[in-house]
Amino acid sequence: MNAKTKRAIRTALQTFVAVVAVVPALAAVIADSTALAAAAPWAVAAAATAAGAAGIVARLMASPVVEQILDRFGLGLTSDKETLAP
């Protein structure tokens, strides 16, 4: 597995963990409302979709073309060969 794919998977996992952290609060709100309880399966599907979409976007952002565009705006990442100054 190459580094770009690993980074995309890491981003999807980070998004998933962030969504999971919000689930207890969301469950408490849903428990108080019948209308929201009916929408709960959709909310879970939306959370899973958000994690997947974050991974796809991270993979696209790792492409050389997008990296060059981001470099123009000063938002590019340093290459693996460069080191950051402390």
PDB file of N, CA and C in Angstrom:
ATOM      1  N   MET A   1       0.856  -1.171   0.000  1.00  0.00           N
ATOM      2  CA  MET A   1       0.000   0.000   0.000  1.00  0.00           C
ATOM      3  C   MET A   1       0.904   1.236   0.000  1.00  0.00           C
ATOM      4  N   ASN A   2       0.622   2.162  -0.903  1.00  0.00           N
ATOM      5  CA  ASN A   2       1.492   3.344  -0.976  1.00  0.00           C
ATOM      6  C   ASN A   2       1.091   4.392   0.072  1.00  0.00           C
ATOM      7  N   ALA A   3       1.949   5.375   0.240  1.00  0.00           N
ATOM      8  CA  ALA A   3       1.761   6.386   1.287  1.00  0.00           C
ATOM      9  C   ALA A   3       0.486   7.206   1.082  1.00  0.00           C
ATOM     10  N   LYS A   4       0.149   7.502  -0.164  1.00  0.00           N
ATOM     11  CA  LYS A   4      -1.051   8.311  -0.428  1.00  0.00           C
ATOM     12  C   LYS A   4      -2.311   7.562   0.001  1.00  0.00           C
ATOM     13  N   THR A   5      -2.357   6.279  -0.282  1.00  0.00           N
ATOM     14  CA  THR A   5      -3.514   5.477   0.120  1.00  0.00           C
ATOM     15  C   THR A   5      -3.585   5.374   1.639  1.00  0.00           C
ATOM     16  N   LYS A   6      -2.446   5.198   2.289  1.00  0.00           N
ATOM     17  CA  LYS A   6      -2.424   5.144   3.752  1.00  0.00           C
ATOM     18  C   LYS A   6      -2.945   6.437   4.350  1.00  0.00           C
ATOM     19  N   ARG A   7      -2.542   7.567   3.775  1.00  0.00           N
ATOM     20  CA  ARG A   7      -3.009   8.863   4.288  1.00  0.00           C
ATOM     21  C   ARG A   7      -4.512   9.012   4.115  1.00  0.00           C
ATOM     22  N   ALA A   8      -5.038   8.545   2.981  1.00  0.00           N
ATOM     23  CA  ALA A   8      -6.488   8.621   2.746  1.00  0.00           C
ATOM     24  C   ALA A   8      -7.238   7.756   3.751  1.00  0.00           C
ATOM     25  N   ILE A   9      -6.727   6.567   4.023  1.00  0.00           N
ATOM     26  CA  ILE A   9      -7.373   5.687   4.999  1.00  0.00           C
ATOM     27  C   ILE A   9      -7.308   6.307   6.387  1.00  0.00           C
ATOM     28  N   ARG A  10      -6.171   6.917   6.728  1.00  0.00           N
ATOM     29  CA  ARG A  10      -6.044   7.579   8.033  1.00  0.00           C
ATOM     30  C   ARG A  10      -7.058   8.709   8.163  1.00  0.00           C
ATOM     31  N   THR A  11      -7.259   9.476   7.099  1.00  0.00           N
ATOM     32  CA  THR A  11      -8.225  10.571   7.146  1.00  0.00           C
ATOM     33  C   THR A  11      -9.641  10.033   7.339  1.00  0.00           C
ATOM     34  N   ALA A  12      -9.980   8.967   6.633  1.00  0.00           N
ATOM     35  CA  ALA A  12     -11.305   8.364   6.800  1.00  0.00           C
ATOM     36  C   ALA A  12     -11.489   7.869   8.237  1.00  0.00           C
ATOM     37  N   LEU A  13     -10.458   7.253   8.796  1.00  0.00           N
ATOM     38  CA  LEU A  13     -10.547   6.778  10.180  1.00  0.00           C
ATOM     39  C   LEU A  13     -10.678   7.940  11.163  1.00  0.00           C
ATOM     40  N   GLN A  14      -9.948   9.020  10.929  1.00  0.00           N
ATOM     41  CA  GLN A  14     -10.056  10.189  11.805  1.00  0.00           C
ATOM     42  C   GLN A  14     -11.461  10.770  11.760  1.00  0.00           C
ATOM     43  N   THR A  15     -12.035  10.841  10.570  1.00  0.00           N
ATOM     44  CA  THR A  15     -13.400  11.357  10.437  1.00  0.00           C
ATOM     45  C   THR A  15     -14.383  10.432  11.138  1.00  0.00           C
ATOM     46  N   PHE A  16     -14.190   9.131  10.961  1.00  0.00           N
ATOM     47  CA  PHE A  16     -15.056   8.155  11.615  1.00  0.00           C
ATOM     48  C   PHE A  16     -14.998   8.299  13.131  1.00  0.00           C
ATOM     49  N   VAL A  17     -13.807   8.446  13.680  1.00  0.00           N
ATOM     50  CA  VAL A  17     -13.648   8.605  15.131  1.00  0.00           C
ATOM     51  C   VAL A  17     -14.330   9.891  15.601  1.00  0.00           C
ATOM     52  N   ALA A  18     -14.207  10.951  14.835  1.00  0.00           N
ATOM     53  CA  ALA A  18     -14.860  12.211  15.206  1.00  0.00           C
ATOM     54  C   ALA A  18     -16.379  12.059  15.218  1.00  0.00           C
ATOM     55  N   VAL A  19     -16.899  11.350  14.232  1.00  0.00           N
ATOM     56  CA  VAL A  19     -18.349  11.130  14.168  1.00  0.00           C
ATOM     57  C   VAL A  19     -18.796  10.256  15.334  1.00  0.00           C
ATOM     58  N   VAL A  20     -18.027   9.210  15.630  1.00  0.00           N
ATOM     59  CA  VAL A  20     -18.366   8.316  16.746  1.00  0.00           C
ATOM     60  C   VAL A  20     -18.365   9.079  18.068  1.00  0.00           C
ATOM     61  N   ALA A  21     -17.502  10.053  18.204  1.00  0.00           N
ATOM     62  CA  ALA A  21     -17.444  10.843  19.433  1.00  0.00           C
ATOM     63  C   ALA A  21     -18.721  11.651  19.650  1.00  0.00           C
ATOM     64  N   VAL A  22     -19.405  11.981  18.569  1.00  0.00           N
ATOM     65  CA  VAL A  22     -20.625  12.787  18.658  1.00  0.00           C
ATOM     66  C   VAL A  22     -21.870  11.912  18.846  1.00  0.00           C
ATOM     67  N   VAL A  23     -21.748  10.627  18.547  1.00  0.00           N
ATOM     68  CA  VAL A  23     -22.908   9.734  18.577  1.00  0.00           C
ATOM     69  C   VAL A  23     -23.622   9.700  19.929  1.00  0.00           C
ATOM     70  N   PRO A  24     -22.935   9.649  21.074  1.00  0.00           N
ATOM     71  CA  PRO A  24     -23.681   9.623  22.347  1.00  0.00           C
ATOM     72  C   PRO A  24     -24.586  10.844  22.536  1.00  0.00           C
ATOM     73  N   ALA A  25     -24.094  12.004  22.202  1.00  0.00           N
ATOM     74  CA  ALA A  25     -24.928  13.208  22.310  1.00  0.00           C
ATOM     75  C   ALA A  25     -26.096  13.143  21.340  1.00  0.00           C
ATOM     76  N   LEU A  26     -25.817  12.673  20.140  1.00  0.00           N
ATOM     77  CA  LEU A  26     -26.874  12.537  19.139  1.00  0.00           C
ATOM     78  C   LEU A  26     -27.914  11.519  19.592  1.00  0.00           C
ATOM     79  N   ALA A  27     -27.478  10.431  20.195  1.00  0.00           N
ATOM     80  CA  ALA A  27     -28.402   9.405  20.672  1.00  0.00           C
ATOM     81  C   ALA A  27     -29.312   9.964  21.762  1.00  0.00           C
ATOM     82  N   ALA A  28     -28.774  10.811  22.632  1.00  0.00           N
ATOM     83  CA  ALA A  28     -29.581  11.414  23.690  1.00  0.00           C
ATOM     84  C   ALA A  28     -30.663  12.316  23.113  1.00  0.00           C
ATOM     85  N   VAL A  29     -30.319  13.072  22.095  1.00  0.00           N
ATOM     86  CA  VAL A  29     -31.298  13.958  21.462  1.00  0.00           C
ATOM     87  C   VAL A  29     -32.354  13.135  20.735  1.00  0.00           C
ATOM     88  N   ILE A  30     -31.917  12.092  20.052  1.00  0.00           N
ATOM     89  CA  ILE A  30     -32.851  11.242  19.299  1.00  0.00           C
ATOM     90  C   ILE A  30     -33.818  10.536  20.250  1.00  0.00           C
ATOM     91  N   ALA A  31     -33.335  10.123  21.413  1.00  0.00           N
ATOM     92  CA  ALA A  31     -34.187   9.422  22.373  1.00  0.00           C
ATOM     93  C   ALA A  31     -35.341  10.292  22.851  1.00  0.00           C
ATOM     94  N   ASP A  32     -35.171  11.589  22.834  1.00  0.00           N
ATOM     95  CA  ASP A  32     -36.213  12.511  23.297  1.00  0.00           C
ATOM     96  C   ASP A  32     -37.225  12.874  22.219  1.00  0.00           C
ATOM     97  N   SER A  33     -37.021  12.420  21.004  1.00  0.00           N
ATOM     98  CA  SER A  33     -37.902  12.832  19.919  1.00  0.00           C
ATOM     99  C   SER A  33     -38.247  11.645  19.028  1.00  0.00           C
ATOM    100  N   THR A  34     -39.536  11.403  18.859  1.00  0.00           N
ATOM    101  CA  THR A  34     -39.989  10.310  17.995  1.00  0.00           C
ATOM    102  C   THR A  34     -39.629  10.583  16.539  1.00  0.00           C
ATOM    103  N   ALA A  35     -39.754  11.820  16.120  1.00  0.00           N
ATOM    104  CA  ALA A  35     -39.445  12.162  14.725  1.00  0.00           C
ATOM    105  C   ALA A  35     -37.963  11.962  14.435  1.00  0.00           C
ATOM    106  N   LEU A  36     -37.119  12.346  15.378  1.00  0.00           N
ATOM    107  CA  LEU A  36     -35.686  12.150  15.184  1.00  0.00           C
ATOM    108  C   LEU A  36     -35.312  10.672  15.241  1.00  0.00           C
ATOM    109  N   ALA A  37     -36.016   9.893  16.075  1.00  0.00           N
ATOM    110  CA  ALA A  37     -35.740   8.460  16.166  1.00  0.00           C
ATOM    111  C   ALA A  37     -36.001   7.779  14.828  1.00  0.00           C
ATOM    112  N   ALA A  38     -36.996   8.250  14.095  1.00  0.00           N
ATOM    113  CA  ALA A  38     -37.292   7.682  12.782  1.00  0.00           C
ATOM    114  C   ALA A  38     -36.181   7.998  11.791  1.00  0.00           C
ATOM    115  N   ALA A  39     -35.472   9.093  12.016  1.00  0.00           N
ATOM    116  CA  ALA A  39     -34.397   9.507  11.105  1.00  0.00           C
ATOM    117  C   ALA A  39     -33.036   8.935  11.503  1.00  0.00           C
ATOM    118  N   ALA A  40     -32.956   8.218  12.609  1.00  0.00           N
ATOM    119  CA  ALA A  40     -31.673   7.714  13.109  1.00  0.00           C
ATOM    120  C   ALA A  40     -30.917   6.861  12.094  1.00  0.00           C
ATOM    121  N   PRO A  41     -31.569   5.925  11.393  1.00  0.00           N
ATOM    122  CA  PRO A  41     -30.812   5.138  10.403  1.00  0.00           C
ATOM    123  C   PRO A  41     -30.194   6.017   9.311  1.00  0.00           C
ATOM    124  N   TRP A  42     -30.893   7.062   8.953  1.00  0.00           N
ATOM    125  CA  TRP A  42     -30.353   7.975   7.942  1.00  0.00           C
ATOM    126  C   TRP A  42     -29.145   8.713   8.489  1.00  0.00           C
ATOM    127  N   ALA A  43     -29.176   9.066   9.768  1.00  0.00           N
ATOM    128  CA  ALA A  43     -28.049   9.773  10.379  1.00  0.00           C
ATOM    129  C   ALA A  43     -26.814   8.874  10.435  1.00  0.00           C
ATOM    130  N   VAL A  44     -27.005   7.599  10.732  1.00  0.00           N
ATOM    131  CA  VAL A  44     -25.885   6.663  10.755  1.00  0.00           C
ATOM    132  C   VAL A  44     -25.304   6.501   9.350  1.00  0.00           C
ATOM    133  N   ALA A  45     -26.168   6.375   8.371  1.00  0.00           N
ATOM    134  CA  ALA A  45     -25.709   6.254   6.982  1.00  0.00           C
ATOM    135  C   ALA A  45     -24.971   7.517   6.549  1.00  0.00           C
ATOM    136  N   ALA A  46     -25.460   8.665   6.966  1.00  0.00           N
ATOM    137  CA  ALA A  46     -24.793   9.926   6.615  1.00  0.00           C
ATOM    138  C   ALA A  46     -23.415  10.010   7.258  1.00  0.00           C
ATOM    139  N   ALA A  47     -23.287   9.535   8.486  1.00  0.00           N
ATOM    140  CA  ALA A  47     -21.995   9.551   9.172  1.00  0.00           C
ATOM    141  C   ALA A  47     -20.999   8.638   8.464  1.00  0.00           C
ATOM    142  N   ALA A  48     -21.447   7.465   8.066  1.00  0.00           N
ATOM    143  CA  ALA A  48     -20.570   6.538   7.344  1.00  0.00           C
ATOM    144  C   ALA A  48     -20.173   7.118   5.993  1.00  0.00           C
ATOM    145  N   THR A  49     -21.108   7.760   5.335  1.00  0.00           N
ATOM    146  CA  THR A  49     -20.818   8.395   4.053  1.00  0.00           C
ATOM    147  C   THR A  49     -19.818   9.525   4.219  1.00  0.00           C
ATOM    148  N   ALA A  50     -19.945  10.300   5.298  1.00  0.00           N
ATOM    149  CA  ALA A  50     -19.007  11.392   5.549  1.00  0.00           C
ATOM    150  C   ALA A  50     -17.591  10.870   5.739  1.00  0.00           C
ATOM    151  N   ALA A  51     -17.445   9.769   6.460  1.00  0.00           N
ATOM    152  CA  ALA A  51     -16.117   9.188   6.671  1.00  0.00           C
ATOM    153  C   ALA A  51     -15.538   8.690   5.350  1.00  0.00           C
ATOM    154  N   GLY A  52     -16.360   8.038   4.551  1.00  0.00           N
ATOM    155  CA  GLY A  52     -15.898   7.561   3.240  1.00  0.00           C
ATOM    156  C   GLY A  52     -15.529   8.705   2.316  1.00  0.00           C
ATOM    157  N   ALA A  53     -16.364   9.738   2.307  1.00  0.00           N
ATOM    158  CA  ALA A  53     -16.091  10.898   1.454  1.00  0.00           C
ATOM    159  C   ALA A  53     -14.810  11.603   1.882  1.00  0.00           C
ATOM    160  N   ALA A  54     -14.559  11.675   3.184  1.00  0.00           N
ATOM    161  CA  ALA A  54     -13.321  12.302   3.671  1.00  0.00           C
ATOM    162  C   ALA A  54     -12.104  11.536   3.176  1.00  0.00           C
ATOM    163  N   GLY A  55     -12.195  10.221   3.165  1.00  0.00           N
ATOM    164  CA  GLY A  55     -11.095   9.409   2.655  1.00  0.00           C
ATOM    165  C   GLY A  55     -10.859   9.616   1.173  1.00  0.00           C
ATOM    166  N   ILE A  56     -11.935   9.712   0.417  1.00  0.00           N
ATOM    167  CA  ILE A  56     -11.820   9.938  -1.033  1.00  0.00           C
ATOM    168  C   ILE A  56     -11.224  11.316  -1.307  1.00  0.00           C
ATOM    169  N   VAL A  57     -11.694  12.322  -0.596  1.00  0.00           N
ATOM    170  CA  VAL A  57     -11.167  13.675  -0.780  1.00  0.00           C
ATOM    171  C   VAL A  57      -9.692  13.728  -0.397  1.00  0.00           C
ATOM    172  N   ALA A  58      -9.320  13.037   0.681  1.00  0.00           N
ATOM    173  CA  ALA A  58      -7.912  13.007   1.086  1.00  0.00           C
ATOM    174  C   ALA A  58      -7.059  12.364   0.002  1.00  0.00           C
ATOM    175  N   ARG A  59      -7.564  11.319  -0.613  1.00  0.00           N
ATOM    176  CA  ARG A  59      -6.815  10.641  -1.686  1.00  0.00           C
ATOM    177  C   ARG A  59      -6.679  11.564  -2.890  1.00  0.00           C
ATOM    178  N   LEU A  60      -7.726  12.281  -3.236  1.00  0.00           N
ATOM    179  CA  LEU A  60      -7.655  13.231  -4.354  1.00  0.00           C
ATOM    180  C   LEU A  60      -6.695  14.370  -4.047  1.00  0.00           C
ATOM    181  N   MET A  61      -6.703  14.832  -2.814  1.00  0.00           N
ATOM    182  CA  MET A  61      -5.820  15.933  -2.432  1.00  0.00           C
ATOM    183  C   MET A  61      -4.359  15.516  -2.463  1.00  0.00           C
ATOM    184  N   ALA A  62      -4.085  14.216  -2.399  1.00  0.00           N
ATOM    185  CA  ALA A  62      -2.714  13.722  -2.433  1.00  0.00           C
ATOM    186  C   ALA A  62      -2.167  13.625  -3.852  1.00  0.00           C
ATOM    187  N   SER A  63      -2.999  13.906  -4.840  1.00  0.00           N
ATOM    188  CA  SER A  63      -2.527  13.806  -6.221  1.00  0.00           C
ATOM    189  C   SER A  63      -1.569  14.953  -6.534  1.00  0.00           C
ATOM    190  N   PRO A  64      -0.621  14.725  -7.420  1.00  0.00           N
ATOM    191  CA  PRO A  64       0.357  15.768  -7.754  1.00  0.00           C
ATOM    192  C   PRO A  64      -0.280  17.040  -8.320  1.00  0.00           C
ATOM    193  N   VAL A  65      -1.339  16.880  -9.099  1.00  0.00           N
ATOM    194  CA  VAL A  65      -1.989  18.057  -9.704  1.00  0.00           C
ATOM    195  C   VAL A  65      -2.583  18.951  -8.619  1.00  0.00           C
ATOM    196  N   VAL A  66      -3.308  18.343  -7.691  1.00  0.00           N
ATOM    197  CA  VAL A  66      -3.916  19.131  -6.613  1.00  0.00           C
ATOM    198  C   VAL A  66      -2.822  19.730  -5.734  1.00  0.00           C
ATOM    199  N   GLU A  67      -1.762  18.968  -5.495  1.00  0.00           N
ATOM    200  CA  GLU A  67      -0.652  19.477  -4.678  1.00  0.00           C
ATOM    201  C   GLU A  67      -0.015  20.708  -5.321  1.00  0.00           C
ATOM    202  N   GLN A  68       0.130  20.684  -6.637  1.00  0.00           N
ATOM    203  CA  GLN A  68       0.697  21.844  -7.339  1.00  0.00           C
ATOM    204  C   GLN A  68      -0.223  23.060  -7.211  1.00  0.00           C
ATOM    205  N   ILE A  69      -1.517  22.825  -7.320  1.00  0.00           N
ATOM    206  CA  ILE A  69      -2.477  23.927  -7.182  1.00  0.00           C
ATOM    207  C   ILE A  69      -2.406  24.500  -5.764  1.00  0.00           C
ATOM    208  N   LEU A  70      -2.352  23.618  -4.767  1.00  0.00           N
ATOM    209  CA  LEU A  70      -2.273  24.085  -3.384  1.00  0.00           C
ATOM    210  C   LEU A  70      -0.963  24.817  -3.110  1.00  0.00           C
ATOM    211  N   ASP A  71       0.124  24.371  -3.749  1.00  0.00           N
ATOM    212  CA  ASP A  71       1.416  25.055  -3.599  1.00  0.00           C
ATOM    213  C   ASP A  71       1.337  26.499  -4.066  1.00  0.00           C
ATOM    214  N   ARG A  72       0.571  26.738  -5.101  1.00  0.00           N
ATOM    215  CA  ARG A  72       0.417  28.115  -5.617  1.00  0.00           C
ATOM    216  C   ARG A  72      -0.192  29.049  -4.579  1.00  0.00           C
ATOM    217  N   PHE A  73      -1.026  28.485  -3.706  1.00  0.00           N
ATOM    218  CA  PHE A  73      -1.677  29.288  -2.675  1.00  0.00           C
ATOM    219  C   PHE A  73      -0.983  29.179  -1.326  1.00  0.00           C
ATOM    220  N   GLY A  74       0.165  28.513  -1.314  1.00  0.00           N
ATOM    221  CA  GLY A  74       0.909  28.358  -0.075  1.00  0.00           C
ATOM    222  C   GLY A  74       0.322  27.322   0.863  1.00  0.00           C
ATOM    223  N   LEU A  75      -0.508  26.422   0.342  1.00  0.00           N
ATOM    224  CA  LEU A  75      -1.161  25.419   1.172  1.00  0.00           C
ATOM    225  C   LEU A  75      -0.637  24.008   0.931  1.00  0.00           C
ATOM    226  N   GLY A  76       0.403  23.879   0.114  1.00  0.00           N
ATOM    227  CA  GLY A  76       0.945  22.559  -0.191  1.00  0.00           C
ATOM    228  C   GLY A  76       1.733  22.001   0.978  1.00  0.00           C
ATOM    229  N   LEU A  77       1.913  20.697   0.941  1.00  0.00           N
ATOM    230  CA  LEU A  77       2.694  20.027   1.976  1.00  0.00           C
ATOM    231  C   LEU A  77       4.144  19.954   1.538  1.00  0.00           C
ATOM    232  N   THR A  78       5.027  19.858   2.492  1.00  0.00           N
ATOM    233  CA  THR A  78       6.436  19.664   2.153  1.00  0.00           C
ATOM    234  C   THR A  78       6.605  18.237   1.659  1.00  0.00           C
ATOM    235  N   SER A  79       7.565  18.023   0.798  1.00  0.00           N
ATOM    236  CA  SER A  79       7.795  16.665   0.317  1.00  0.00           C
ATOM    237  C   SER A  79       8.407  15.837   1.433  1.00  0.00           C
ATOM    238  N   ASP A  80       8.398  14.526   1.259  1.00  0.00           N
ATOM    239  CA  ASP A  80       8.954  13.650   2.275  1.00  0.00           C
ATOM    240  C   ASP A  80      10.446  13.863   2.460  1.00  0.00           C
ATOM    241  N   LYS A  81      11.124  14.420   1.457  1.00  0.00           N
ATOM    242  CA  LYS A  81      12.579  14.631   1.537  1.00  0.00           C
ATOM    243  C   LYS A  81      12.925  15.890   2.325  1.00  0.00           C
ATOM    244  N   GLU A  82      11.979  16.819   2.412  1.00  0.00           N
ATOM    245  CA  GLU A  82      12.247  18.068   3.118  1.00  0.00           C
ATOM    246  C   GLU A  82      11.996  17.875   4.615  1.00  0.00           C
ATOM    247  N   THR A  83      12.666  18.652   5.386  1.00  0.00           N
ATOM    248  CA  THR A  83      12.410  18.648   6.828  1.00  0.00           C
ATOM    249  C   THR A  83      11.925  20.028   7.234  1.00  0.00           C
ATOM    250  N   LEU A  84      11.077  20.055   8.204  1.00  0.00           N
ATOM    251  CA  LEU A  84      10.560  21.329   8.682  1.00  0.00           C
ATOM    252  C   LEU A  84      11.505  21.908   9.709  1.00  0.00           C
ATOM    253  N   ALA A  85      11.693  23.197   9.654  1.00  0.00           N
ATOM    254  CA  ALA A  85      12.544  23.870  10.634  1.00  0.00           C
ATOM    255  C   ALA A  85      11.804  23.938  11.961  1.00  0.00           C
ATOM    256  N   PRO A  86      12.497  23.791  13.073  1.00  0.00           N
ATOM    257  CA  PRO A  86      11.814  23.834  14.383  1.00  0.00           C
ATOM    258  C   PRO A  86      11.295  25.218  14.715  1.00  0.00           C
TER     259      PRO A  86
END
